[in-house]
Amino acid sequence: MNAVTETSEVLDQDSYRIHPVILAGGSGTRLWPLSRSVYPKQLLALTSTRTLLQETVQRTIEDVGFSAPILVCNDEHRFLIEEQLNEMHVQPRKIILEPLARNTGPALAAVALWLSQFEPDALMLVQPADHVIGGLAEFHRAVQAGIGPAEQGKLVTFGIKPTRPEPGYGYIQYGPALEGSEHARSVSRFVEKPDADTAKRYVESGVFCWNSGIFLLSARRYLEELRELHPKMLEACERAVAAGRDDLGFFRLDAASFGDAPALSIDRAVMEHTDEAAVIPVDMAWNDLGSFQALRDCGARDSDGNVISGDVVAQDVKNSYIRAEDKLVTVIGLEDVVVVSTDDAVLVAKADRVDDVSSVVAQLRQRNRSEPISHTTTYRPWGYYRSVDMGDRFQVKRLMVKPGAKLSLQKHFHRAEHWVVVQGTALVQRDDECLLLRENESIYIPIGAAHRLENPGKLPLHLIEVQSGAYLGEDDIVRLADSYGRC
């Protein structure tokens, strides 16, 4: 395979500008209990000190001619993503909010339509937010190799040189090199997740690569293909963008219009049907982190083949993935297992059965369990809260409010609250009163009182909240005013 691995080429950052498009939706159910729908895997630090989203952004702020990134995410994750970008001191070009999940085809259409208002022929480098790329230089060289074909109207994807028969991945069969391109090849066909024997034949043939789900294409060209192949999708997305609106720096797509778009991936909508697909084979230490097996493959193994994270004691354990998030985990005499412990759930599975995690998550959802939805720590644009204890008619939470941040002005019909400041300074509005509370001071908020909590200081505010009442659900909140547009 003529993979892009040369090290002598130098990128000329002044010769082009590519618009990174990062698709940051998805719930990552196969990595439960680490990944939950309100705090999915792309927002977690699983392979380094950065989150997967931050690693993806970092790849596109290197000095290789990328413009500011455009991100697509759902409404629930918008402030979390903004905060993670702020931690990196990255100002995105725009964060586009999907009102509902319609897969990657409509998501990219919405980006292309929004971007083409300013730059119709813009080149978009489309990446999922939950992939790992170890060979950064190889990735950048592959992108550079794709610029020429993309500018000539090709829809370029990046194929990964397979290291093993992997039935969990899609495959691309490629043909001859494109005229005038050293690395880009024509695409013979896409194959979606073959069985193990077929995958083995593909790898042995030497003309197949894994489908990375990373693309380089022009906004205009993608929209032209959609107009030909899926006009209903394009029409729905055109209406969604036209009726969309800016909101606190985000761009909200119109929900009714976007909901009319067929839920199809980029591959199913365009790449599998177009005559203009091209693939650049590349060896860049890629992994899509779709399962705990993939997470184990990315980790540093000990002498027994184990990948261990957290407070773990393993005795006579081999070829396993063990992760302890908040407590001591001990494993004895097992091989090829996955053990993941969080503060509210534990997963124990044979390594070859980890793909069944999604079915377990589905069962939990059917039982209306909260564990597939959220962790005990819930993040908000102002900070976070963590459930400490709960019982009949009471709940205890620990809150952290960021410096300068404030909660919504709100009231409750079914619960009263008692706040105790543990660290920092709290400015509290209670009906017509405004009170400043310091460490070890407290205040009572009766049922029905309009109230607001603010951190006026320069350090994080930590406090304990004790709720009491007949109903303690999060939906017993009537927002009267909110700095984050949640009323």
Foldseek 3Di string as FASTA:
>chain_A
DPAQDDDPDDADQVPAEAEEEEEEEDFLLLPPPVTFRLQGQLLDDQQHPAGLLVVVQVLQVPSRNYDFYEYEYAPSCVLSVVVSCVVVVGDHPAYAHAPDAQAALLVLLLVLVVCCVPPNFHKYWYDYSQKDFQFSSSVSVLVVLCPVLQSVLFKEFEFELDPAQDLQFKKWFFDAADPPGDFKTFTPAIGHRDDRVVSRVQNVVVRMTTGRLIIIHTSNSSLVQCCVQPVQSNQLSVQQNVPWDDAPRHIYGDNVSNVRHHRDYSCVRGVRPDRRYIYGYHHGRMANPSHVVSSLVSADADPQLEHEEDQEAEECEHNEYEYEDDDYYYYYNYYQWYWYDDPPDIDIGRNVCSSCSSVVLVVCVVVVHCSNHDDQWRADSQGIKGWDDDDQFKTKIKTKGAAFGKFFFKAFQWKKKKKAWQAAWKWKDWAPDTDIDHHGDMDIHDHPTGMMIGHNDNHITIMMMMMGGNDDDPVRIDGPGGPRPPD
